[in-house]
Amino acid sequence: MIAHTPKPPYYAVIFSSLKSSEDKGYAEMADLMVDLASKQDGFLGIESARQELGITVSYWRDLTSIRNWKANSDHLLAQKYGREKWYQAYKTRICLVERDYDFGI
């Protein structure tokens, strides 16, 4: 599903990952993180796709909202598990969206 975001500017957090062979509890934690993030002040939407490479893009009103989400205690636990067992590698990028346009939305 394509996220419906407001008129720019806003921020995008792009999380790219390669999963390890261990996935016990991963799906449940991923669902919980989406639910928790959606309740955070400043959250605007999320898009995610996973094949061999997983890419999740979350959209945020401002940098303060992103910092607050990064510091959320449940999110910190998920980050710890990700490093310890669920991911071979990951990269996070934070971007300012200055312009967007669409078709068919």
PDB file of N, CA and C in Angstrom:
ATOM      1  N   MET A   1       0.846  -1.169   0.000  1.00  0.00           N
ATOM      2  CA  MET A   1       0.000   0.000   0.000  1.00  0.00           C
ATOM      3  C   MET A   1       0.899   1.243   0.000  1.00  0.00           C
ATOM      4  N   ILE A   2       0.545   2.216  -0.770  1.00  0.00           N
ATOM      5  CA  ILE A   2       1.296   3.466  -0.851  1.00  0.00           C
ATOM      6  C   ILE A   2       0.784   4.422   0.223  1.00  0.00           C
ATOM      7  N   ALA A   3       1.711   4.953   1.009  1.00  0.00           N
ATOM      8  CA  ALA A   3       1.340   5.866   2.093  1.00  0.00           C
ATOM      9  C   ALA A   3       0.820   7.182   1.526  1.00  0.00           C
ATOM     10  N   HIS A   4      -0.192   7.720   2.169  1.00  0.00           N
ATOM     11  CA  HIS A   4      -0.714   9.040   1.817  1.00  0.00           C
ATOM     12  C   HIS A   4      -0.029  10.049   2.726  1.00  0.00           C
ATOM     13  N   THR A   5       0.840  10.828   2.147  1.00  0.00           N
ATOM     14  CA  THR A   5       1.622  11.794   2.915  1.00  0.00           C
ATOM     15  C   THR A   5       1.134  13.213   2.626  1.00  0.00           C
ATOM     16  N   PRO A   6       1.425  14.135   3.537  1.00  0.00           N
ATOM     17  CA  PRO A   6       1.004  15.524   3.322  1.00  0.00           C
ATOM     18  C   PRO A   6       1.903  16.210   2.292  1.00  0.00           C
ATOM     19  N   LYS A   7       1.570  17.429   1.998  1.00  0.00           N
ATOM     20  CA  LYS A   7       2.396  18.236   1.117  1.00  0.00           C
ATOM     21  C   LYS A   7       3.783  18.410   1.765  1.00  0.00           C
ATOM     22  N   PRO A   8       4.874  18.247   0.994  1.00  0.00           N
ATOM     23  CA  PRO A   8       6.216  18.424   1.546  1.00  0.00           C
ATOM     24  C   PRO A   8       6.417  19.866   2.033  1.00  0.00           C
ATOM     25  N   PRO A   9       7.385  20.044   2.926  1.00  0.00           N
ATOM     26  CA  PRO A   9       8.429  19.107   3.303  1.00  0.00           C
ATOM     27  C   PRO A   9       8.018  18.204   4.460  1.00  0.00           C
ATOM     28  N   TYR A  10       8.592  17.021   4.475  1.00  0.00           N
ATOM     29  CA  TYR A  10       8.497  16.059   5.573  1.00  0.00           C
ATOM     30  C   TYR A  10       9.708  15.148   5.432  1.00  0.00           C
ATOM     31  N   TYR A  11       9.869  14.206   6.324  1.00  0.00           N
ATOM     32  CA  TYR A  11      11.048  13.351   6.315  1.00  0.00           C
ATOM     33  C   TYR A  11      10.688  11.905   6.020  1.00  0.00           C
ATOM     34  N   ALA A  12      11.643  11.208   5.402  1.00  0.00           N
ATOM     35  CA  ALA A  12      11.534   9.777   5.143  1.00  0.00           C
ATOM     36  C   ALA A  12      12.706   9.083   5.824  1.00  0.00           C
ATOM     37  N   VAL A  13      12.418   7.994   6.530  1.00  0.00           N
ATOM     38  CA  VAL A  13      13.446   7.129   7.086  1.00  0.00           C
ATOM     39  C   VAL A  13      13.420   5.851   6.262  1.00  0.00           C
ATOM     40  N   ILE A  14      14.511   5.581   5.577  1.00  0.00           N
ATOM     41  CA  ILE A  14      14.607   4.404   4.708  1.00  0.00           C
ATOM     42  C   ILE A  14      15.450   3.360   5.427  1.00  0.00           C
ATOM     43  N   PHE A  15      14.842   2.224   5.714  1.00  0.00           N
ATOM     44  CA  PHE A  15      15.513   1.131   6.409  1.00  0.00           C
ATOM     45  C   PHE A  15      15.653  -0.037   5.440  1.00  0.00           C
ATOM     46  N   SER A  16      16.878  -0.309   5.008  1.00  0.00           N
ATOM     47  CA  SER A  16      17.164  -1.413   4.095  1.00  0.00           C
ATOM     48  C   SER A  16      17.840  -2.517   4.894  1.00  0.00           C
ATOM     49  N   SER A  17      17.425  -3.774   4.681  1.00  0.00           N
ATOM     50  CA  SER A  17      17.964  -4.853   5.505  1.00  0.00           C
ATOM     51  C   SER A  17      18.091  -6.163   4.745  1.00  0.00           C
ATOM     52  N   LEU A  18      19.058  -6.954   5.211  1.00  0.00           N
ATOM     53  CA  LEU A  18      19.209  -8.340   4.788  1.00  0.00           C
ATOM     54  C   LEU A  18      18.976  -9.184   6.020  1.00  0.00           C
ATOM     55  N   LYS A  19      17.976 -10.061   5.972  1.00  0.00           N
ATOM     56  CA  LYS A  19      17.652 -10.895   7.136  1.00  0.00           C
ATOM     57  C   LYS A  19      18.622 -12.060   7.264  1.00  0.00           C
ATOM     58  N   SER A  20      18.797 -12.495   8.493  1.00  0.00           N
ATOM     59  CA  SER A  20      19.555 -13.718   8.760  1.00  0.00           C
ATOM     60  C   SER A  20      18.599 -14.902   8.601  1.00  0.00           C
ATOM     61  N   SER A  21      19.101 -16.101   8.840  1.00  0.00           N
ATOM     62  CA  SER A  21      18.231 -17.278   8.734  1.00  0.00           C
ATOM     63  C   SER A  21      17.297 -17.401   9.934  1.00  0.00           C
ATOM     64  N   GLU A  22      17.602 -16.728  11.027  1.00  0.00           N
ATOM     65  CA  GLU A  22      16.765 -16.737  12.238  1.00  0.00           C
ATOM     66  C   GLU A  22      15.603 -15.765  12.063  1.00  0.00           C
ATOM     67  N   ASP A  23      14.385 -16.272  12.175  1.00  0.00           N
ATOM     68  CA  ASP A  23      13.250 -15.350  12.058  1.00  0.00           C
ATOM     69  C   ASP A  23      12.182 -15.563  13.127  1.00  0.00           C
ATOM     70  N   LYS A  24      12.496 -16.367  14.138  1.00  0.00           N
ATOM     71  CA  LYS A  24      11.529 -16.607  15.204  1.00  0.00           C
ATOM     72  C   LYS A  24      11.194 -15.286  15.900  1.00  0.00           C
ATOM     73  N   GLY A  25       9.913 -14.937  15.891  1.00  0.00           N
ATOM     74  CA  GLY A  25       9.441 -13.716  16.526  1.00  0.00           C
ATOM     75  C   GLY A  25       9.549 -12.465  15.682  1.00  0.00           C
ATOM     76  N   TYR A  26      10.199 -12.583  14.509  1.00  0.00           N
ATOM     77  CA  TYR A  26      10.422 -11.402  13.669  1.00  0.00           C
ATOM     78  C   TYR A  26       9.111 -10.786  13.165  1.00  0.00           C
ATOM     79  N   ALA A  27       8.245 -11.598  12.605  1.00  0.00           N
ATOM     80  CA  ALA A  27       6.999 -11.071  12.021  1.00  0.00           C
ATOM     81  C   ALA A  27       6.142 -10.381  13.073  1.00  0.00           C
ATOM     82  N   GLU A  28       6.055 -10.994  14.252  1.00  0.00           N
ATOM     83  CA  GLU A  28       5.261 -10.401  15.328  1.00  0.00           C
ATOM     84  C   GLU A  28       5.847  -9.063  15.770  1.00  0.00           C
ATOM     85  N   MET A  29       7.183  -9.001  15.881  1.00  0.00           N
ATOM     86  CA  MET A  29       7.826  -7.752  16.287  1.00  0.00           C
ATOM     87  C   MET A  29       7.660  -6.693  15.202  1.00  0.00           C
ATOM     88  N   ALA A  30       7.773  -7.081  13.950  1.00  0.00           N
ATOM     89  CA  ALA A  30       7.604  -6.124  12.853  1.00  0.00           C
ATOM     90  C   ALA A  30       6.191  -5.530  12.878  1.00  0.00           C
ATOM     91  N   ASP A  31       5.185  -6.372  13.087  1.00  0.00           N
ATOM     92  CA  ASP A  31       3.803  -5.882  13.173  1.00  0.00           C
ATOM     93  C   ASP A  31       3.626  -4.941  14.365  1.00  0.00           C
ATOM     94  N   LEU A  32       4.230  -5.296  15.488  1.00  0.00           N
ATOM     95  CA  LEU A  32       4.143  -4.449  16.678  1.00  0.00           C
ATOM     96  C   LEU A  32       4.801  -3.095  16.430  1.00  0.00           C
ATOM     97  N   MET A  33       5.943  -3.089  15.740  1.00  0.00           N
ATOM     98  CA  MET A  33       6.643  -1.827  15.471  1.00  0.00           C
ATOM     99  C   MET A  33       5.813  -0.920  14.569  1.00  0.00           C
ATOM    100  N   VAL A  34       5.157  -1.477  13.570  1.00  0.00           N
ATOM    101  CA  VAL A  34       4.296  -0.671  12.695  1.00  0.00           C
ATOM    102  C   VAL A  34       3.146  -0.079  13.509  1.00  0.00           C
ATOM    103  N   ASP A  35       2.546  -0.904  14.360  1.00  0.00           N
ATOM    104  CA  ASP A  35       1.448  -0.424  15.195  1.00  0.00           C
ATOM    105  C   ASP A  35       1.910   0.679  16.139  1.00  0.00           C
ATOM    106  N   LEU A  36       3.037   0.475  16.816  1.00  0.00           N
ATOM    107  CA  LEU A  36       3.551   1.487  17.746  1.00  0.00           C
ATOM    108  C   LEU A  36       3.968   2.766  17.030  1.00  0.00           C
ATOM    109  N   ALA A  37       4.659   2.616  15.908  1.00  0.00           N
ATOM    110  CA  ALA A  37       5.097   3.802  15.157  1.00  0.00           C
ATOM    111  C   ALA A  37       3.904   4.638  14.720  1.00  0.00           C
ATOM    112  N   SER A  38       2.845   3.959  14.294  1.00  0.00           N
ATOM    113  CA  SER A  38       1.666   4.685  13.804  1.00  0.00           C
ATOM    114  C   SER A  38       0.993   5.509  14.898  1.00  0.00           C
ATOM    115  N   LYS A  39       1.298   5.207  16.162  1.00  0.00           N
ATOM    116  CA  LYS A  39       0.722   5.948  17.283  1.00  0.00           C
ATOM    117  C   LYS A  39       1.637   7.075  17.775  1.00  0.00           C
ATOM    118  N   GLN A  40       2.830   7.173  17.199  1.00  0.00           N
ATOM    119  CA  GLN A  40       3.787   8.190  17.618  1.00  0.00           C
ATOM    120  C   GLN A  40       3.412   9.551  17.030  1.00  0.00           C
ATOM    121  N   ASP A  41       3.594  10.586  17.833  1.00  0.00           N
ATOM    122  CA  ASP A  41       3.390  11.946  17.345  1.00  0.00           C
ATOM    123  C   ASP A  41       4.342  12.202  16.177  1.00  0.00           C
ATOM    124  N   GLY A  42       3.828  12.713  15.094  1.00  0.00           N
ATOM    125  CA  GLY A  42       4.643  13.037  13.933  1.00  0.00           C
ATOM    126  C   GLY A  42       4.712  11.961  12.878  1.00  0.00           C
ATOM    127  N   PHE A  43       4.159  10.778  13.150  1.00  0.00           N
ATOM    128  CA  PHE A  43       4.155   9.683  12.168  1.00  0.00           C
ATOM    129  C   PHE A  43       3.183  10.025  11.038  1.00  0.00           C
ATOM    130  N   LEU A  44       3.626   9.829   9.788  1.00  0.00           N
ATOM    131  CA  LEU A  44       2.787  10.161   8.634  1.00  0.00           C
ATOM    132  C   LEU A  44       2.381   8.954   7.800  1.00  0.00           C
ATOM    133  N   GLY A  45       3.145   7.873   7.863  1.00  0.00           N
ATOM    134  CA  GLY A  45       2.808   6.699   7.057  1.00  0.00           C
ATOM    135  C   GLY A  45       4.010   5.789   6.894  1.00  0.00           C
ATOM    136  N   ILE A  46       3.757   4.637   6.255  1.00  0.00           N
ATOM    137  CA  ILE A  46       4.825   3.642   6.082  1.00  0.00           C
ATOM    138  C   ILE A  46       4.561   2.832   4.819  1.00  0.00           C
ATOM    139  N   GLU A  47       5.656   2.414   4.188  1.00  0.00           N
ATOM    140  CA  GLU A  47       5.609   1.516   3.028  1.00  0.00           C
ATOM    141  C   GLU A  47       6.702   0.476   3.235  1.00  0.00           C
ATOM    142  N   SER A  48       6.415  -0.775   2.882  1.00  0.00           N
ATOM    143  CA  SER A  48       7.406  -1.816   3.120  1.00  0.00           C
ATOM    144  C   SER A  48       7.305  -2.902   2.060  1.00  0.00           C
ATOM    145  N   ALA A  49       8.468  -3.447   1.695  1.00  0.00           N
ATOM    146  CA  ALA A  49       8.531  -4.563   0.756  1.00  0.00           C
ATOM    147  C   ALA A  49       9.689  -5.457   1.165  1.00  0.00           C
ATOM    148  N   ARG A  50       9.500  -6.757   1.010  1.00  0.00           N
ATOM    149  CA  ARG A  50      10.580  -7.668   1.369  1.00  0.00           C
ATOM    150  C   ARG A  50      10.654  -8.797   0.356  1.00  0.00           C
ATOM    151  N   GLN A  51      11.819  -8.931  -0.209  1.00  0.00           N
ATOM    152  CA  GLN A  51      12.200 -10.113  -0.972  1.00  0.00           C
ATOM    153  C   GLN A  51      13.491 -10.565  -0.316  1.00  0.00           C
ATOM    154  N   GLU A  52      14.559 -10.686  -1.081  1.00  0.00           N
ATOM    155  CA  GLU A  52      15.866 -10.946  -0.469  1.00  0.00           C
ATOM    156  C   GLU A  52      16.306  -9.717   0.323  1.00  0.00           C
ATOM    157  N   LEU A  53      16.075  -8.545  -0.261  1.00  0.00           N
ATOM    158  CA  LEU A  53      16.369  -7.270   0.385  1.00  0.00           C
ATOM    159  C   LEU A  53      15.057  -6.686   0.894  1.00  0.00           C
ATOM    160  N   GLY A  54      15.032  -6.298   2.156  1.00  0.00           N
ATOM    161  CA  GLY A  54      13.843  -5.653   2.715  1.00  0.00           C
ATOM    162  C   GLY A  54      14.039  -4.151   2.731  1.00  0.00           C
ATOM    163  N   ILE A  55      13.014  -3.414   2.353  1.00  0.00           N
ATOM    164  CA  ILE A  55      13.070  -1.959   2.397  1.00  0.00           C
ATOM    165  C   ILE A  55      11.779  -1.466   3.035  1.00  0.00           C
ATOM    166  N   THR A  56      11.934  -0.705   4.103  1.00  0.00           N
ATOM    167  CA  THR A  56      10.806  -0.066   4.760  1.00  0.00           C
ATOM    168  C   THR A  56      11.076   1.427   4.796  1.00  0.00           C
ATOM    169  N   VAL A  57      10.097   2.190   4.348  1.00  0.00           N
ATOM    170  CA  VAL A  57      10.201   3.650   4.383  1.00  0.00           C
ATOM    171  C   VAL A  57       9.094   4.163   5.291  1.00  0.00           C
ATOM    172  N   SER A  58       9.499   4.845   6.345  1.00  0.00           N
ATOM    173  CA  SER A  58       8.509   5.486   7.210  1.00  0.00           C
ATOM    174  C   SER A  58       8.625   6.992   7.015  1.00  0.00           C
ATOM    175  N   TYR A  59       7.493   7.666   7.119  1.00  0.00           N
ATOM    176  CA  TYR A  59       7.425   9.107   6.861  1.00  0.00           C
ATOM    177  C   TYR A  59       7.072   9.837   8.151  1.00  0.00           C
ATOM    178  N   TRP A  60       7.767  10.961   8.371  1.00  0.00           N
ATOM    179  CA  TRP A  60       7.660  11.685   9.632  1.00  0.00           C
ATOM    180  C   TRP A  60       7.571  13.181   9.391  1.00  0.00           C
ATOM    181  N   ARG A  61       6.896  13.861  10.282  1.00  0.00           N
ATOM    182  CA  ARG A  61       6.701  15.308  10.201  1.00  0.00           C
ATOM    183  C   ARG A  61       8.026  16.068  10.325  1.00  0.00           C
ATOM    184  N   ASP A  62       8.897  15.620  11.246  1.00  0.00           N
ATOM    185  CA  ASP A  62      10.123  16.375  11.524  1.00  0.00           C
ATOM    186  C   ASP A  62      11.174  15.469  12.173  1.00  0.00           C
ATOM    187  N   LEU A  63      12.371  16.018  12.348  1.00  0.00           N
ATOM    188  CA  LEU A  63      13.472  15.254  12.933  1.00  0.00           C
ATOM    189  C   LEU A  63      13.231  14.905  14.397  1.00  0.00           C
ATOM    190  N   THR A  64      12.542  15.773  15.114  1.00  0.00           N
ATOM    191  CA  THR A  64      12.221  15.487  16.517  1.00  0.00           C
ATOM    192  C   THR A  64      11.359  14.230  16.623  1.00  0.00           C
ATOM    193  N   SER A  65      10.394  14.086  15.747  1.00  0.00           N
ATOM    194  CA  SER A  65       9.530  12.892  15.736  1.00  0.00           C
ATOM    195  C   SER A  65      10.353  11.634  15.478  1.00  0.00           C
ATOM    196  N   ILE A  66      11.301  11.721  14.573  1.00  0.00           N
ATOM    197  CA  ILE A  66      12.170  10.580  14.264  1.00  0.00           C
ATOM    198  C   ILE A  66      13.027  10.236  15.475  1.00  0.00           C
ATOM    199  N   ARG A  67      13.608  11.230  16.118  1.00  0.00           N
ATOM    200  CA  ARG A  67      14.432  10.989  17.314  1.00  0.00           C
ATOM    201  C   ARG A  67      13.606  10.347  18.431  1.00  0.00           C
ATOM    202  N   ASN A  68      12.388  10.835  18.622  1.00  0.00           N
ATOM    203  CA  ASN A  68      11.522  10.265  19.661  1.00  0.00           C
ATOM    204  C   ASN A  68      11.184   8.808  19.365  1.00  0.00           C
ATOM    205  N   TRP A  69      10.935   8.482  18.106  1.00  0.00           N
ATOM    206  CA  TRP A  69      10.653   7.096  17.739  1.00  0.00           C
ATOM    207  C   TRP A  69      11.883   6.223  17.949  1.00  0.00           C
ATOM    208  N   LYS A  70      13.054   6.704  17.555  1.00  0.00           N
ATOM    209  CA  LYS A  70      14.280   5.936  17.734  1.00  0.00           C
ATOM    210  C   LYS A  70      14.526   5.623  19.211  1.00  0.00           C
ATOM    211  N   ALA A  71      14.118   6.529  20.104  1.00  0.00           N
ATOM    212  CA  ALA A  71      14.345   6.358  21.541  1.00  0.00           C
ATOM    213  C   ALA A  71      13.228   5.592  22.259  1.00  0.00           C
ATOM    214  N   ASN A  72      12.151   5.230  21.568  1.00  0.00           N
ATOM    215  CA  ASN A  72      11.050   4.481  22.165  1.00  0.00           C
ATOM    216  C   ASN A  72      11.581   3.159  22.727  1.00  0.00           C
ATOM    217  N   SER A  73      11.231   2.831  23.958  1.00  0.00           N
ATOM    218  CA  SER A  73      11.801   1.649  24.629  1.00  0.00           C
ATOM    219  C   SER A  73      11.497   0.336  23.894  1.00  0.00           C
ATOM    220  N   ASP A  74      10.299   0.185  23.368  1.00  0.00           N
ATOM    221  CA  ASP A  74       9.973  -1.032  22.615  1.00  0.00           C
ATOM    222  C   ASP A  74      10.762  -1.083  21.308  1.00  0.00           C
ATOM    223  N   HIS A  75      10.924   0.072  20.681  1.00  0.00           N
ATOM    224  CA  HIS A  75      11.707   0.145  19.442  1.00  0.00           C
ATOM    225  C   HIS A  75      13.177  -0.157  19.727  1.00  0.00           C
ATOM    226  N   LEU A  76      13.697   0.314  20.855  1.00  0.00           N
ATOM    227  CA  LEU A  76      15.081   0.002  21.237  1.00  0.00           C
ATOM    228  C   LEU A  76      15.277  -1.501  21.402  1.00  0.00           C
ATOM    229  N   LEU A  77      14.290  -2.178  21.988  1.00  0.00           N
ATOM    230  CA  LEU A  77      14.361  -3.632  22.139  1.00  0.00           C
ATOM    231  C   LEU A  77      14.357  -4.318  20.776  1.00  0.00           C
ATOM    232  N   ALA A  78      13.496  -3.866  19.875  1.00  0.00           N
ATOM    233  CA  ALA A  78      13.447  -4.442  18.528  1.00  0.00           C
ATOM    234  C   ALA A  78      14.775  -4.225  17.804  1.00  0.00           C
ATOM    235  N   GLN A  79      15.375  -3.051  17.982  1.00  0.00           N
ATOM    236  CA  GLN A  79      16.679  -2.780  17.367  1.00  0.00           C
ATOM    237  C   GLN A  79      17.736  -3.759  17.894  1.00  0.00           C
ATOM    238  N   LYS A  80      17.715  -3.996  19.193  1.00  0.00           N
ATOM    239  CA  LYS A  80      18.668  -4.920  19.823  1.00  0.00           C
ATOM    240  C   LYS A  80      18.505  -6.325  19.240  1.00  0.00           C
ATOM    241  N   TYR A  81      17.275  -6.818  19.182  1.00  0.00           N
ATOM    242  CA  TYR A  81      17.026  -8.148  18.610  1.00  0.00           C
ATOM    243  C   TYR A  81      17.445  -8.202  17.145  1.00  0.00           C
ATOM    244  N   GLY A  82      17.178  -7.128  16.411  1.00  0.00           N
ATOM    245  CA  GLY A  82      17.574  -7.081  15.009  1.00  0.00           C
ATOM    246  C   GLY A  82      19.072  -7.273  14.845  1.00  0.00           C
ATOM    247  N   ARG A  83      19.857  -6.553  15.639  1.00  0.00           N
ATOM    248  CA  ARG A  83      21.317  -6.679  15.566  1.00  0.00           C
ATOM    249  C   ARG A  83      21.789  -8.057  16.029  1.00  0.00           C
ATOM    250  N   GLU A  84      21.153  -8.587  17.061  1.00  0.00           N
ATOM    251  CA  GLU A  84      21.609  -9.845  17.649  1.00  0.00           C
ATOM    252  C   GLU A  84      21.199 -11.087  16.865  1.00  0.00           C
ATOM    253  N   LYS A  85      19.990 -11.053  16.220  1.00  0.00           N
ATOM    254  CA  LYS A  85      19.551 -12.304  15.606  1.00  0.00           C
ATOM    255  C   LYS A  85      18.834 -12.186  14.266  1.00  0.00           C
ATOM    256  N   TRP A  86      18.143 -11.106  13.970  1.00  0.00           N
ATOM    257  CA  TRP A  86      17.300 -11.105  12.771  1.00  0.00           C
ATOM    258  C   TRP A  86      17.964 -10.577  11.510  1.00  0.00           C
ATOM    259  N   TYR A  87      18.993  -9.762  11.629  1.00  0.00           N
ATOM    260  CA  TYR A  87      19.602  -9.144  10.443  1.00  0.00           C
ATOM    261  C   TYR A  87      21.058  -9.546  10.271  1.00  0.00           C
ATOM    262  N   GLN A  88      21.414  -9.816   9.010  1.00  0.00           N
ATOM    263  CA  GLN A  88      22.823  -9.948   8.640  1.00  0.00           C
ATOM    264  C   GLN A  88      23.438  -8.551   8.546  1.00  0.00           C
ATOM    265  N   ALA A  89      22.645  -7.632   7.997  1.00  0.00           N
ATOM    266  CA  ALA A  89      23.117  -6.267   7.783  1.00  0.00           C
ATOM    267  C   ALA A  89      21.909  -5.358   7.592  1.00  0.00           C
ATOM    268  N   TYR A  90      22.102  -4.077   7.904  1.00  0.00           N
ATOM    269  CA  TYR A  90      21.058  -3.087   7.618  1.00  0.00           C
ATOM    270  C   TYR A  90      21.689  -1.709   7.478  1.00  0.00           C
ATOM    271  N   LYS A  91      20.939  -0.818   6.873  1.00  0.00           N
ATOM    272  CA  LYS A  91      21.360   0.572   6.724  1.00  0.00           C
ATOM    273  C   LYS A  91      20.116   1.436   6.875  1.00  0.00           C
ATOM    274  N   THR A  92      20.268   2.526   7.611  1.00  0.00           N
ATOM    275  CA  THR A  92      19.177   3.483   7.798  1.00  0.00           C
ATOM    276  C   THR A  92      19.600   4.813   7.190  1.00  0.00           C
ATOM    277  N   ARG A  93      18.702   5.396   6.421  1.00  0.00           N
ATOM    278  CA  ARG A  93      18.948   6.702   5.811  1.00  0.00           C
ATOM    279  C   ARG A  93      17.792   7.627   6.185  1.00  0.00           C
ATOM    280  N   ILE A  94      18.115   8.850   6.533  1.00  0.00           N
ATOM    281  CA  ILE A  94      17.089   9.841   6.871  1.00  0.00           C
ATOM    282  C   ILE A  94      17.162  10.949   5.832  1.00  0.00           C
ATOM    283  N   CYS A  95      16.030  11.209   5.178  1.00  0.00           N
ATOM    284  CA  CYS A  95      15.999  12.123   4.034  1.00  0.00           C
ATOM    285  C   CYS A  95      14.893  13.165   4.200  1.00  0.00           C
ATOM    286  N   LEU A  96      15.157  14.353   3.738  1.00  0.00           N
ATOM    287  CA  LEU A  96      14.136  15.389   3.664  1.00  0.00           C
ATOM    288  C   LEU A  96      13.434  15.258   2.317  1.00  0.00           C
ATOM    289  N   VAL A  97      12.126  15.095   2.357  1.00  0.00           N
ATOM    290  CA  VAL A  97      11.338  15.052   1.121  1.00  0.00           C
ATOM    291  C   VAL A  97      10.950  16.487   0.794  1.00  0.00           C
ATOM    292  N   GLU A  98      11.448  16.967  -0.318  1.00  0.00           N
ATOM    293  CA  GLU A  98      11.187  18.345  -0.725  1.00  0.00           C
ATOM    294  C   GLU A  98      10.083  18.443  -1.770  1.00  0.00           C
ATOM    295  N   ARG A  99       9.871  17.346  -2.471  1.00  0.00           N
ATOM    296  CA  ARG A  99       8.860  17.342  -3.527  1.00  0.00           C
ATOM    297  C   ARG A  99       8.350  15.926  -3.688  1.00  0.00           C
ATOM    298  N   ASP A 100       7.066  15.776  -3.970  1.00  0.00           N
ATOM    299  CA  ASP A 100       6.516  14.496  -4.354  1.00  0.00           C
ATOM    300  C   ASP A 100       5.397  14.704  -5.356  1.00  0.00           C
ATOM    301  N   TYR A 101       5.091  13.691  -6.096  1.00  0.00           N
ATOM    302  CA  TYR A 101       3.975  13.715  -7.038  1.00  0.00           C
ATOM    303  C   TYR A 101       3.506  12.291  -7.218  1.00  0.00           C
ATOM    304  N   ASP A 102       2.312  12.108  -7.759  1.00  0.00           N
ATOM    305  CA  ASP A 102       1.755  10.765  -7.836  1.00  0.00           C
ATOM    306  C   ASP A 102       0.905  10.576  -9.079  1.00  0.00           C
ATOM    307  N   PHE A 103       0.492   9.345  -9.247  1.00  0.00           N
ATOM    308  CA  PHE A 103      -0.386   8.925 -10.321  1.00  0.00           C
ATOM    309  C   PHE A 103      -1.296   7.839  -9.777  1.00  0.00           C
ATOM    310  N   GLY A 104      -2.573   7.973  -9.972  1.00  0.00           N
ATOM    311  CA  GLY A 104      -3.525   6.928  -9.636  1.00  0.00           C
ATOM    312  C   GLY A 104      -3.835   6.764  -8.164  1.00  0.00           C
ATOM    313  N   ILE A 105      -3.461   7.723  -7.376  1.00  0.00           N
ATOM    314  CA  ILE A 105      -3.751   7.622  -5.932  1.00  0.00           C
ATOM    315  C   ILE A 105      -4.966   8.464  -5.615  1.00  0.00           C
TER     316      ILE A 105
END
